[in-house]
Structure formats: structure tokens, C-alpha cells
């Protein structure tokens, strides 16, 4: 019986060429990445929270309901600003001023409604309170919150907080 040579099929013809492209693509991709200079050195901006309500609990103690979504790993907490007008509360002259609420134990914050307590005393958090802000609020003033994100400068090994745009404002009751 005569031995037949295998017939060349389309699959047999593509096989060697396909292997070449499979090996060449990663090399081409590495070359392309090495030539890419379009990357950002700008720090990420956090999303501002939304203030829902503020309640006076007496004795200079207030409860603030906040909705926020900050899934970035650089999320650190919030900074509260108070001023006599809405514009000044949202745009203070110094973004480093204001009372902070750092949530370092929470690496990733999912969209949720939070309860913050604003109280000048150093008491521990009340049950159900996400964070206590040590501050004294003045009735009739406006408050605004900003999200804090960690900004790291690798060129001089420093870090600081980067603040979000302002939230809406509420009037302190």
C-alpha cells in the first residue's frame, strides 16, 4: 500500500505564521510602552461628599448625615469647613484650615450614608457614628465638607493631603 503525504490544509498553513505573531507581539508591545511618554503626574482628585442633614443634639454637639463614594486607595477622610456664608464655607481662604476626620482604618470607602458627630469634647464615638470631628459649630453659619486624599511626591519624598472640590452646604441649626 502506498503511503500518502498529508494534504496541506488551511490550518496547517496558518500554524507557523500564527506562532511567529504570538511571539512577536509581546516584543512589539514592550517597544511601544517604552516609547510612550503620555502619562500623568497629577494627583488624583477625590469626589466630594454630599451633605444630607445636620441635627443639633444639644451641648454644642451636632450629627451630620453624609453620602459619599470614595473607592480610591488614597482616600483618607474628610475636612469640615464653617463660615458665615455659603461661598466662604465652600471656598475657604486656606484649605489646610478646618476640622479633620481621618478614617485611616478604612482603606476603601464604598457608596454609603455616613453619620458624623461634630463635638468639641474628646469623648469617644457614639454608637453608629462613623467619625467624630472635634470642633465647635456656630448656629446660623454654613458648613461644607471636602474629601481628603493622600498625595505623595516621589521626587522629594513628601506627602500631603489633597482636598476634593467642596460639597454642598448646610446651615447649622
N, C-alpha and C. Protein backbone atom coordinates (compact mmCIF):
# COMPACT_ATOMS: atom_id res chain seq x y z
N UNK A 1 0.83 -1.16 0.00
CA UNK A 1 0.00 0.00 0.00
C UNK A 1 0.89 1.24 0.00
N UNK A 2 0.52 2.21 -0.73
CA UNK A 2 1.33 3.40 -0.90
C UNK A 2 0.98 4.42 0.20
N UNK A 3 2.00 5.00 0.82
CA UNK A 3 1.78 5.96 1.91
C UNK A 3 1.50 7.33 1.31
N UNK A 4 0.44 7.95 1.77
CA UNK A 4 0.05 9.26 1.24
C UNK A 4 0.66 10.35 2.11
N UNK A 5 1.08 11.39 1.46
CA UNK A 5 1.56 12.54 2.22
C UNK A 5 0.36 13.34 2.69
N UNK A 6 0.46 13.91 3.88
CA UNK A 6 -0.69 14.66 4.38
C UNK A 6 -0.98 15.86 3.50
N UNK A 7 -2.22 16.08 3.30
CA UNK A 7 -2.65 17.18 2.48
C UNK A 7 -2.53 18.49 3.28
N UNK A 8 -2.05 19.52 2.64
CA UNK A 8 -1.91 20.81 3.33
C UNK A 8 -3.28 21.47 3.44
N UNK A 9 -3.67 21.68 4.65
CA UNK A 9 -4.95 22.33 4.89
C UNK A 9 -4.69 23.78 5.29
N UNK A 10 -5.73 24.55 5.35
CA UNK A 10 -5.59 25.93 5.74
C UNK A 10 -5.03 26.04 7.16
N UNK A 11 -5.44 25.15 8.03
CA UNK A 11 -4.96 25.17 9.40
C UNK A 11 -3.46 24.90 9.46
N UNK A 12 -2.97 23.98 8.67
CA UNK A 12 -1.53 23.69 8.65
C UNK A 12 -0.75 24.88 8.12
N UNK A 13 -1.31 25.62 7.19
CA UNK A 13 -0.58 26.74 6.61
C UNK A 13 -0.55 27.93 7.57
N UNK A 14 -1.60 28.12 8.39
CA UNK A 14 -1.65 29.25 9.32
C UNK A 14 -0.77 28.99 10.53
N UNK A 15 -0.64 27.78 10.95
CA UNK A 15 0.07 27.41 12.17
C UNK A 15 1.41 28.08 12.36
N UNK A 16 2.38 27.92 11.43
CA UNK A 16 3.69 28.53 11.66
C UNK A 16 3.65 30.05 11.68
N UNK A 17 2.85 30.66 10.85
CA UNK A 17 2.76 32.12 10.84
C UNK A 17 2.14 32.64 12.12
N UNK A 18 1.13 31.96 12.61
CA UNK A 18 0.48 32.36 13.84
C UNK A 18 1.46 32.31 15.01
N UNK A 19 2.28 31.31 15.07
CA UNK A 19 3.28 31.20 16.13
C UNK A 19 4.24 32.37 16.09
N UNK A 20 4.61 32.81 14.90
CA UNK A 20 5.52 33.94 14.77
C UNK A 20 4.88 35.19 15.39
N UNK A 21 3.60 35.46 15.07
CA UNK A 21 2.94 36.64 15.60
C UNK A 21 2.74 36.54 17.11
N UNK A 22 2.48 35.35 17.58
CA UNK A 22 2.30 35.15 19.01
C UNK A 22 3.59 35.47 19.76
N UNK A 23 4.72 35.20 19.18
CA UNK A 23 6.00 35.51 19.82
C UNK A 23 6.41 36.96 19.60
N UNK A 24 6.06 37.52 18.45
CA UNK A 24 6.49 38.88 18.12
C UNK A 24 5.65 39.94 18.82
N UNK A 25 4.38 39.68 19.10
CA UNK A 25 3.51 40.68 19.70
C UNK A 25 4.02 41.18 21.05
N UNK A 26 4.39 40.32 22.00
CA UNK A 26 4.90 40.85 23.29
C UNK A 26 6.13 41.73 23.11
N UNK A 27 7.00 41.39 22.20
CA UNK A 27 8.20 42.19 21.95
C UNK A 27 7.79 43.56 21.42
N UNK A 28 6.86 43.60 20.47
CA UNK A 28 6.37 44.85 19.90
C UNK A 28 5.68 45.68 20.99
N UNK A 29 4.91 45.04 21.85
CA UNK A 29 4.19 45.73 22.91
C UNK A 29 5.17 46.40 23.88
N UNK A 30 6.25 45.72 24.23
CA UNK A 30 7.26 46.28 25.13
C UNK A 30 7.93 47.49 24.48
N UNK A 31 8.22 47.40 23.20
CA UNK A 31 8.81 48.53 22.50
C UNK A 31 7.85 49.73 22.48
N UNK A 32 6.58 49.45 22.28
CA UNK A 32 5.58 50.51 22.24
C UNK A 32 5.47 51.19 23.61
N UNK A 33 5.46 50.44 24.68
CA UNK A 33 5.38 51.02 26.02
C UNK A 33 6.61 51.85 26.35
N UNK A 34 7.75 51.41 25.95
CA UNK A 34 8.98 52.14 26.22
C UNK A 34 9.00 53.49 25.53
N UNK A 35 8.32 53.62 24.40
CA UNK A 35 8.29 54.87 23.67
C UNK A 35 7.18 55.79 24.14
N UNK A 36 6.27 55.31 24.98
CA UNK A 36 5.13 56.09 25.43
C UNK A 36 5.56 57.06 26.52
N UNK A 37 5.30 58.33 26.31
CA UNK A 37 5.62 59.35 27.32
C UNK A 37 4.37 60.08 27.79
N UNK A 38 3.20 59.62 27.39
CA UNK A 38 1.96 60.29 27.76
C UNK A 38 1.39 59.69 29.03
N UNK A 39 1.90 60.10 30.16
CA UNK A 39 1.38 59.65 31.45
C UNK A 39 1.22 60.87 32.33
N UNK A 40 0.43 60.74 33.37
CA UNK A 40 0.10 61.88 34.21
C UNK A 40 0.89 61.84 35.52
N UNK A 41 1.33 63.00 35.94
CA UNK A 41 1.95 63.12 37.26
C UNK A 41 1.04 63.94 38.18
N UNK A 42 -0.16 64.23 37.73
CA UNK A 42 -1.12 64.99 38.52
C UNK A 42 -1.78 64.07 39.55
N UNK A 43 -1.90 64.57 40.77
CA UNK A 43 -2.53 63.78 41.83
C UNK A 43 -4.01 63.58 41.52
N UNK A 44 -4.53 62.45 41.93
CA UNK A 44 -5.94 62.13 41.74
C UNK A 44 -6.80 63.03 42.60
N UNK A 45 -7.93 63.47 42.05
CA UNK A 45 -8.86 64.31 42.79
C UNK A 45 -10.00 63.43 43.30
N UNK A 46 -10.29 63.54 44.57
CA UNK A 46 -11.34 62.76 45.20
C UNK A 46 -12.71 63.36 44.88
N UNK A 47 -13.74 62.54 44.91
CA UNK A 47 -15.10 63.00 44.71
C UNK A 47 -15.60 63.68 45.99
N UNK A 48 -16.30 64.80 45.85
CA UNK A 48 -16.81 65.46 47.07
C UNK A 48 -17.99 64.70 47.65
N UNK A 49 -18.16 64.74 48.97
CA UNK A 49 -19.33 64.11 49.59
C UNK A 49 -20.57 64.98 49.40
N UNK A 50 -21.72 64.45 49.75
CA UNK A 50 -22.98 65.20 49.71
C UNK A 50 -23.53 65.26 51.13
N UNK A 51 -23.75 66.47 51.62
CA UNK A 51 -24.34 66.65 52.95
C UNK A 51 -25.84 66.46 52.84
N UNK A 52 -26.40 65.61 53.70
CA UNK A 52 -27.83 65.31 53.68
C UNK A 52 -28.58 66.13 54.74
N UNK A 53 -28.08 66.09 55.98
CA UNK A 53 -28.78 66.82 57.05
C UNK A 53 -27.82 67.08 58.20
N UNK A 54 -28.22 68.06 59.03
CA UNK A 54 -27.49 68.35 60.27
C UNK A 54 -28.52 68.53 61.38
N UNK A 55 -28.25 67.93 62.54
CA UNK A 55 -29.16 67.96 63.68
C UNK A 55 -28.40 68.44 64.91
N UNK A 56 -29.00 69.35 65.66
CA UNK A 56 -28.41 69.83 66.90
C UNK A 56 -28.83 68.88 68.01
N UNK A 57 -27.85 68.24 68.65
CA UNK A 57 -28.10 67.29 69.73
C UNK A 57 -27.99 67.94 71.11
N UNK A 58 -27.73 69.23 71.15
CA UNK A 58 -27.56 69.94 72.42
C UNK A 58 -26.11 69.90 72.88
N UNK A 59 -25.75 70.81 73.80
CA UNK A 59 -24.39 70.87 74.35
C UNK A 59 -23.32 70.98 73.27
N UNK A 60 -23.56 71.78 72.24
CA UNK A 60 -22.60 72.01 71.13
C UNK A 60 -22.29 70.74 70.36
N UNK A 61 -23.18 69.78 70.40
CA UNK A 61 -22.99 68.50 69.71
C UNK A 61 -23.97 68.42 68.53
N UNK A 62 -23.43 68.09 67.35
CA UNK A 62 -24.24 68.02 66.14
C UNK A 62 -24.01 66.68 65.45
N UNK A 63 -25.05 66.20 64.77
CA UNK A 63 -24.95 64.99 63.95
C UNK A 63 -25.15 65.39 62.50
N UNK A 64 -24.23 64.95 61.64
CA UNK A 64 -24.31 65.25 60.21
C UNK A 64 -24.46 63.94 59.45
N UNK A 65 -25.45 63.87 58.58
CA UNK A 65 -25.62 62.73 57.67
C UNK A 65 -24.95 63.09 56.35
N UNK A 66 -24.11 62.18 55.86
CA UNK A 66 -23.31 62.43 54.65
C UNK A 66 -23.41 61.22 53.73
N UNK A 67 -23.55 61.46 52.44
CA UNK A 67 -23.43 60.39 51.44
C UNK A 67 -22.12 60.60 50.72
N UNK A 68 -21.36 59.52 50.57
CA UNK A 68 -20.05 59.65 49.92
C UNK A 68 -19.69 58.36 49.20
N UNK A 69 -18.90 58.51 48.17
CA UNK A 69 -18.36 57.37 47.43
C UNK A 69 -16.92 57.71 47.08
N UNK A 70 -15.99 57.05 47.73
CA UNK A 70 -14.57 57.31 47.51
C UNK A 70 -13.82 56.00 47.46
N UNK A 71 -13.91 55.28 46.34
CA UNK A 71 -13.29 53.96 46.27
C UNK A 71 -11.79 53.99 46.03
N UNK A 72 -11.19 55.16 45.90
CA UNK A 72 -9.76 55.23 45.64
C UNK A 72 -8.96 54.79 46.86
N UNK A 73 -7.84 54.14 46.62
CA UNK A 73 -6.99 53.68 47.73
C UNK A 73 -6.34 54.83 48.47
N UNK A 74 -6.28 56.01 47.86
CA UNK A 74 -5.63 57.14 48.51
C UNK A 74 -6.57 57.88 49.46
N UNK A 75 -7.83 57.45 49.56
CA UNK A 75 -8.80 58.10 50.43
C UNK A 75 -8.32 58.07 51.88
N UNK A 76 -8.44 59.22 52.57
CA UNK A 76 -8.00 59.32 53.96
C UNK A 76 -9.10 59.74 54.93
N UNK A 77 -10.01 60.59 54.51
CA UNK A 77 -11.05 61.07 55.42
C UNK A 77 -11.70 62.33 54.89
N UNK A 78 -12.14 63.20 55.81
CA UNK A 78 -12.88 64.39 55.43
C UNK A 78 -12.38 65.60 56.23
N UNK A 79 -12.63 66.79 55.67
CA UNK A 79 -12.31 68.04 56.36
C UNK A 79 -13.55 68.91 56.33
N UNK A 80 -13.94 69.42 57.49
CA UNK A 80 -15.14 70.24 57.65
C UNK A 80 -14.74 71.72 57.68
N UNK A 81 -15.48 72.52 56.92
CA UNK A 81 -15.26 73.96 56.89
C UNK A 81 -16.54 74.66 57.32
N UNK A 82 -16.40 75.72 58.12
CA UNK A 82 -17.53 76.50 58.60
C UNK A 82 -17.26 77.97 58.33
N UNK A 83 -18.30 78.70 57.90
CA UNK A 83 -18.16 80.13 57.62
C UNK A 83 -19.53 80.80 57.69
N UNK A 84 -19.54 82.13 57.78
CA UNK A 84 -20.83 82.84 57.86
C UNK A 84 -21.65 82.78 56.57
N UNK A 85 -21.00 82.54 55.42
CA UNK A 85 -21.72 82.49 54.15
C UNK A 85 -21.45 81.17 53.44
N UNK A 86 -22.35 80.85 52.51
CA UNK A 86 -22.20 79.62 51.72
C UNK A 86 -20.91 79.66 50.90
N UNK A 87 -20.63 80.79 50.28
CA UNK A 87 -19.44 80.91 49.43
C UNK A 87 -18.15 80.72 50.23
N UNK A 88 -18.10 81.30 51.43
CA UNK A 88 -16.89 81.16 52.25
C UNK A 88 -16.74 79.75 52.80
N UNK A 89 -17.85 79.07 53.09
CA UNK A 89 -17.77 77.69 53.58
C UNK A 89 -17.26 76.76 52.48
N UNK A 90 -17.68 77.01 51.25
CA UNK A 90 -17.25 76.17 50.13
C UNK A 90 -15.87 76.53 49.61
N UNK A 91 -15.47 77.78 49.79
CA UNK A 91 -14.19 78.25 49.24
C UNK A 91 -13.40 79.00 50.31
N UNK A 92 -12.90 78.28 51.32
CA UNK A 92 -12.14 78.97 52.37
C UNK A 92 -10.82 79.51 51.81
N UNK A 93 -10.29 80.52 52.49
CA UNK A 93 -9.03 81.11 52.03
C UNK A 93 -7.86 80.14 52.18
N UNK A 94 -7.95 79.20 53.13
CA UNK A 94 -6.89 78.22 53.35
C UNK A 94 -7.51 76.82 53.47
N UNK A 95 -7.22 75.96 52.51
CA UNK A 95 -7.78 74.61 52.52
C UNK A 95 -7.18 73.72 53.60
N UNK A 96 -6.10 74.18 54.25
CA UNK A 96 -5.50 73.42 55.34
C UNK A 96 -6.19 73.68 56.67
N UNK A 97 -7.04 74.72 56.72
CA UNK A 97 -7.82 75.00 57.92
C UNK A 97 -9.03 74.10 57.91
N UNK A 98 -9.72 74.06 59.00
CA UNK A 98 -10.91 73.21 59.10
C UNK A 98 -10.63 72.03 60.00
N UNK A 99 -11.68 71.38 60.42
CA UNK A 99 -11.56 70.24 61.33
C UNK A 99 -11.57 68.95 60.53
N UNK A 100 -10.66 68.04 60.87
CA UNK A 100 -10.49 66.80 60.11
C UNK A 100 -11.14 65.61 60.79
N UNK A 101 -11.51 64.68 59.95
CA UNK A 101 -11.98 63.38 60.39
C UNK A 101 -11.22 62.36 59.54
N UNK A 102 -10.20 61.75 60.10
CA UNK A 102 -9.40 60.80 59.35
C UNK A 102 -9.92 59.39 59.55
N UNK A 103 -10.12 58.69 58.47
CA UNK A 103 -10.61 57.32 58.52
C UNK A 103 -9.53 56.37 58.02
N UNK A 104 -8.36 56.43 58.60
CA UNK A 104 -7.23 55.63 58.13
C UNK A 104 -7.50 54.14 58.21
N UNK A 105 -8.34 53.72 59.13
CA UNK A 105 -8.61 52.29 59.26
C UNK A 105 -9.47 51.78 58.11
N UNK A 106 -10.06 52.68 57.33
CA UNK A 106 -10.90 52.29 56.21
C UNK A 106 -10.15 52.60 54.92
N UNK A 107 -9.57 51.58 54.30
CA UNK A 107 -8.80 51.79 53.08
C UNK A 107 -9.69 52.14 51.90
N UNK A 108 -10.83 51.48 51.78
CA UNK A 108 -11.72 51.73 50.65
C UNK A 108 -13.11 52.01 51.18
N UNK A 109 -13.66 53.14 50.80
CA UNK A 109 -14.98 53.53 51.24
C UNK A 109 -15.96 53.28 50.09
N UNK A 110 -16.96 52.50 50.35
CA UNK A 110 -17.97 52.22 49.34
C UNK A 110 -19.11 53.23 49.46
N UNK A 111 -19.91 53.38 48.40
CA UNK A 111 -21.00 54.35 48.46
C UNK A 111 -21.97 54.00 49.60
N UNK A 112 -22.15 54.93 50.49
CA UNK A 112 -22.95 54.64 51.67
C UNK A 112 -23.33 55.97 52.33
N UNK A 113 -24.28 55.93 53.24
CA UNK A 113 -24.61 57.10 54.05
C UNK A 113 -23.88 56.97 55.38
N UNK A 114 -23.15 58.03 55.74
CA UNK A 114 -22.37 58.03 56.96
C UNK A 114 -22.98 58.99 57.97
N UNK A 115 -22.72 58.74 59.24
CA UNK A 115 -23.12 59.63 60.31
C UNK A 115 -21.85 60.16 60.97
N UNK A 116 -21.69 61.48 60.93
CA UNK A 116 -20.56 62.14 61.58
C UNK A 116 -21.09 62.88 62.79
N UNK A 117 -20.27 62.95 63.82
CA UNK A 117 -20.63 63.71 65.01
C UNK A 117 -19.64 64.85 65.14
N UNK A 118 -20.14 66.06 65.30
CA UNK A 118 -19.30 67.24 65.50
C UNK A 118 -19.47 67.66 66.95
N UNK A 119 -18.37 67.60 67.70
CA UNK A 119 -18.42 67.84 69.13
C UNK A 119 -17.04 68.34 69.57
N UNK A 120 -16.99 69.41 70.36
CA UNK A 120 -15.68 69.90 70.81
C UNK A 120 -15.03 69.02 71.88
N UNK A 121 -15.81 68.16 72.53
CA UNK A 121 -15.24 67.32 73.59
C UNK A 121 -14.45 66.16 72.99
N UNK A 122 -13.60 65.57 73.77
CA UNK A 122 -12.77 64.45 73.32
C UNK A 122 -13.42 63.10 73.63
N UNK A 123 -14.74 63.08 73.72
CA UNK A 123 -15.44 61.83 74.01
C UNK A 123 -15.28 60.84 72.87
N UNK A 124 -15.50 59.57 73.19
CA UNK A 124 -15.45 58.53 72.16
C UNK A 124 -16.69 58.63 71.27
N UNK A 125 -16.63 57.99 70.11
CA UNK A 125 -17.76 58.00 69.18
C UNK A 125 -18.99 57.38 69.82
N UNK A 126 -20.14 57.96 69.52
CA UNK A 126 -21.42 57.38 69.91
C UNK A 126 -21.66 56.18 68.99
N UNK A 127 -22.43 55.20 69.45
CA UNK A 127 -22.73 54.03 68.64
C UNK A 127 -23.37 54.45 67.32
N UNK A 128 -22.89 53.88 66.22
CA UNK A 128 -23.42 54.19 64.90
C UNK A 128 -22.77 55.37 64.22
N UNK A 129 -21.85 56.03 64.89
CA UNK A 129 -21.17 57.19 64.30
C UNK A 129 -19.90 56.73 63.59
N UNK A 130 -19.76 57.14 62.33
CA UNK A 130 -18.59 56.74 61.55
C UNK A 130 -17.35 57.49 61.96
N UNK A 131 -17.52 58.76 62.32
CA UNK A 131 -16.36 59.58 62.65
C UNK A 131 -16.79 60.75 63.52
N UNK A 132 -15.90 61.14 64.43
CA UNK A 132 -16.14 62.31 65.28
C UNK A 132 -15.19 63.41 64.86
N UNK A 133 -15.78 64.59 64.64
CA UNK A 133 -14.99 65.77 64.29
C UNK A 133 -14.97 66.67 65.51
N UNK A 134 -13.77 66.96 66.01
CA UNK A 134 -13.63 67.78 67.20
C UNK A 134 -13.64 69.24 66.78
N UNK A 135 -14.82 69.87 66.89
CA UNK A 135 -14.99 71.27 66.51
C UNK A 135 -16.21 71.84 67.19
N UNK A 136 -16.28 73.17 67.24
CA UNK A 136 -17.44 73.87 67.76
C UNK A 136 -18.11 74.58 66.60
N UNK A 137 -19.38 74.31 66.39
CA UNK A 137 -20.12 74.96 65.31
C UNK A 137 -20.99 76.09 65.86
N UNK A 138 -21.17 77.13 65.06
CA UNK A 138 -21.97 78.28 65.44
C UNK A 138 -23.30 78.24 64.70
N UNK A 139 -24.44 78.24 65.43
CA UNK A 139 -25.74 78.25 64.75
C UNK A 139 -25.85 79.44 63.79
N UNK A 140 -26.40 79.17 62.62
CA UNK A 140 -26.56 80.21 61.59
C UNK A 140 -25.44 80.21 60.56
N UNK A 141 -24.29 79.60 60.91
CA UNK A 141 -23.18 79.51 59.95
C UNK A 141 -23.43 78.38 58.95
N UNK A 142 -22.69 78.40 57.86
CA UNK A 142 -22.77 77.35 56.84
C UNK A 142 -21.62 76.38 57.02
N UNK A 143 -21.85 75.11 56.72
CA UNK A 143 -20.78 74.11 56.75
C UNK A 143 -20.66 73.45 55.38
N UNK A 144 -19.47 73.00 55.09
CA UNK A 144 -19.17 72.28 53.85
C UNK A 144 -18.10 71.24 54.18
N UNK A 145 -18.11 70.13 53.45
CA UNK A 145 -17.12 69.07 53.63
C UNK A 145 -16.31 68.90 52.36
N UNK A 146 -15.08 68.49 52.53
CA UNK A 146 -14.22 68.10 51.41
C UNK A 146 -13.58 66.75 51.76
N UNK A 147 -13.38 65.94 50.74
CA UNK A 147 -12.73 64.65 50.91
C UNK A 147 -11.22 64.86 50.89
N UNK A 148 -10.52 64.11 51.74
CA UNK A 148 -9.06 64.18 51.77
C UNK A 148 -8.47 62.95 51.09
N UNK A 149 -7.52 63.19 50.20
CA UNK A 149 -6.79 62.11 49.56
C UNK A 149 -5.31 62.29 49.82
N UNK A 150 -4.59 61.22 49.86
CA UNK A 150 -3.16 61.29 50.11
C UNK A 150 -2.44 61.57 48.80
N UNK A 151 -1.60 62.61 48.78
CA UNK A 151 -0.80 62.95 47.61
C UNK A 151 0.66 62.74 47.97
N UNK A 152 1.34 61.87 47.25
CA UNK A 152 2.73 61.55 47.52
C UNK A 152 3.58 62.09 46.38
N UNK A 153 4.63 62.85 46.73
CA UNK A 153 5.55 63.38 45.74
C UNK A 153 6.81 62.53 45.79
N UNK A 154 7.03 61.71 44.76
CA UNK A 154 8.17 60.80 44.76
C UNK A 154 9.50 61.51 44.51
N UNK A 155 9.46 62.69 43.90
CA UNK A 155 10.71 63.37 43.60
C UNK A 155 11.39 63.92 44.85
N UNK A 156 10.61 64.32 45.86
CA UNK A 156 11.25 64.81 47.09
C UNK A 156 10.78 64.06 48.35
N UNK A 157 10.16 62.91 48.15
CA UNK A 157 9.74 62.04 49.26
C UNK A 157 8.88 62.74 50.30
N UNK A 158 7.91 63.52 49.86
CA UNK A 158 6.99 64.17 50.78
C UNK A 158 5.57 63.70 50.50
N UNK A 159 4.71 63.90 51.46
CA UNK A 159 3.30 63.58 51.26
C UNK A 159 2.45 64.66 51.90
N UNK A 160 1.27 64.83 51.39
CA UNK A 160 0.35 65.82 51.92
C UNK A 160 -1.06 65.36 51.58
N UNK A 161 -2.05 66.12 52.06
CA UNK A 161 -3.43 65.82 51.71
C UNK A 161 -3.83 66.67 50.52
N UNK A 162 -4.57 66.06 49.62
CA UNK A 162 -5.16 66.78 48.51
C UNK A 162 -6.66 66.77 48.77
N UNK A 163 -7.28 67.95 48.69
CA UNK A 163 -8.70 68.05 49.02
C UNK A 163 -9.54 68.05 47.75
N UNK A 164 -10.75 67.53 47.90
CA UNK A 164 -11.70 67.47 46.78
C UNK A 164 -12.34 68.83 46.56
N UNK A 165 -13.10 68.95 45.50
CA UNK A 165 -13.97 70.13 45.39
C UNK A 165 -14.95 70.13 46.57
N UNK A 166 -15.61 71.26 46.85
CA UNK A 166 -16.48 71.32 48.02
C UNK A 166 -17.79 70.56 47.83
N UNK A 167 -18.35 70.16 48.95
CA UNK A 167 -19.68 69.56 48.96
C UNK A 167 -20.70 70.71 48.88
N UNK A 168 -21.96 70.36 48.92
CA UNK A 168 -23.00 71.36 49.11
C UNK A 168 -22.87 71.92 50.53
N UNK A 169 -23.65 72.90 50.88
CA UNK A 169 -23.58 73.45 52.23
C UNK A 169 -24.90 73.23 52.97
N UNK A 170 -24.80 73.25 54.28
CA UNK A 170 -25.97 73.22 55.16
C UNK A 170 -25.81 74.33 56.18
N UNK A 171 -26.92 74.86 56.67
CA UNK A 171 -26.89 75.89 57.71
C UNK A 171 -26.98 75.19 59.06
N UNK A 172 -26.10 75.56 59.97
CA UNK A 172 -26.07 74.97 61.31
C UNK A 172 -27.33 75.44 62.06
N UNK A 173 -28.12 74.49 62.58
CA UNK A 173 -29.36 74.90 63.28
C UNK A 173 -29.08 75.51 64.65
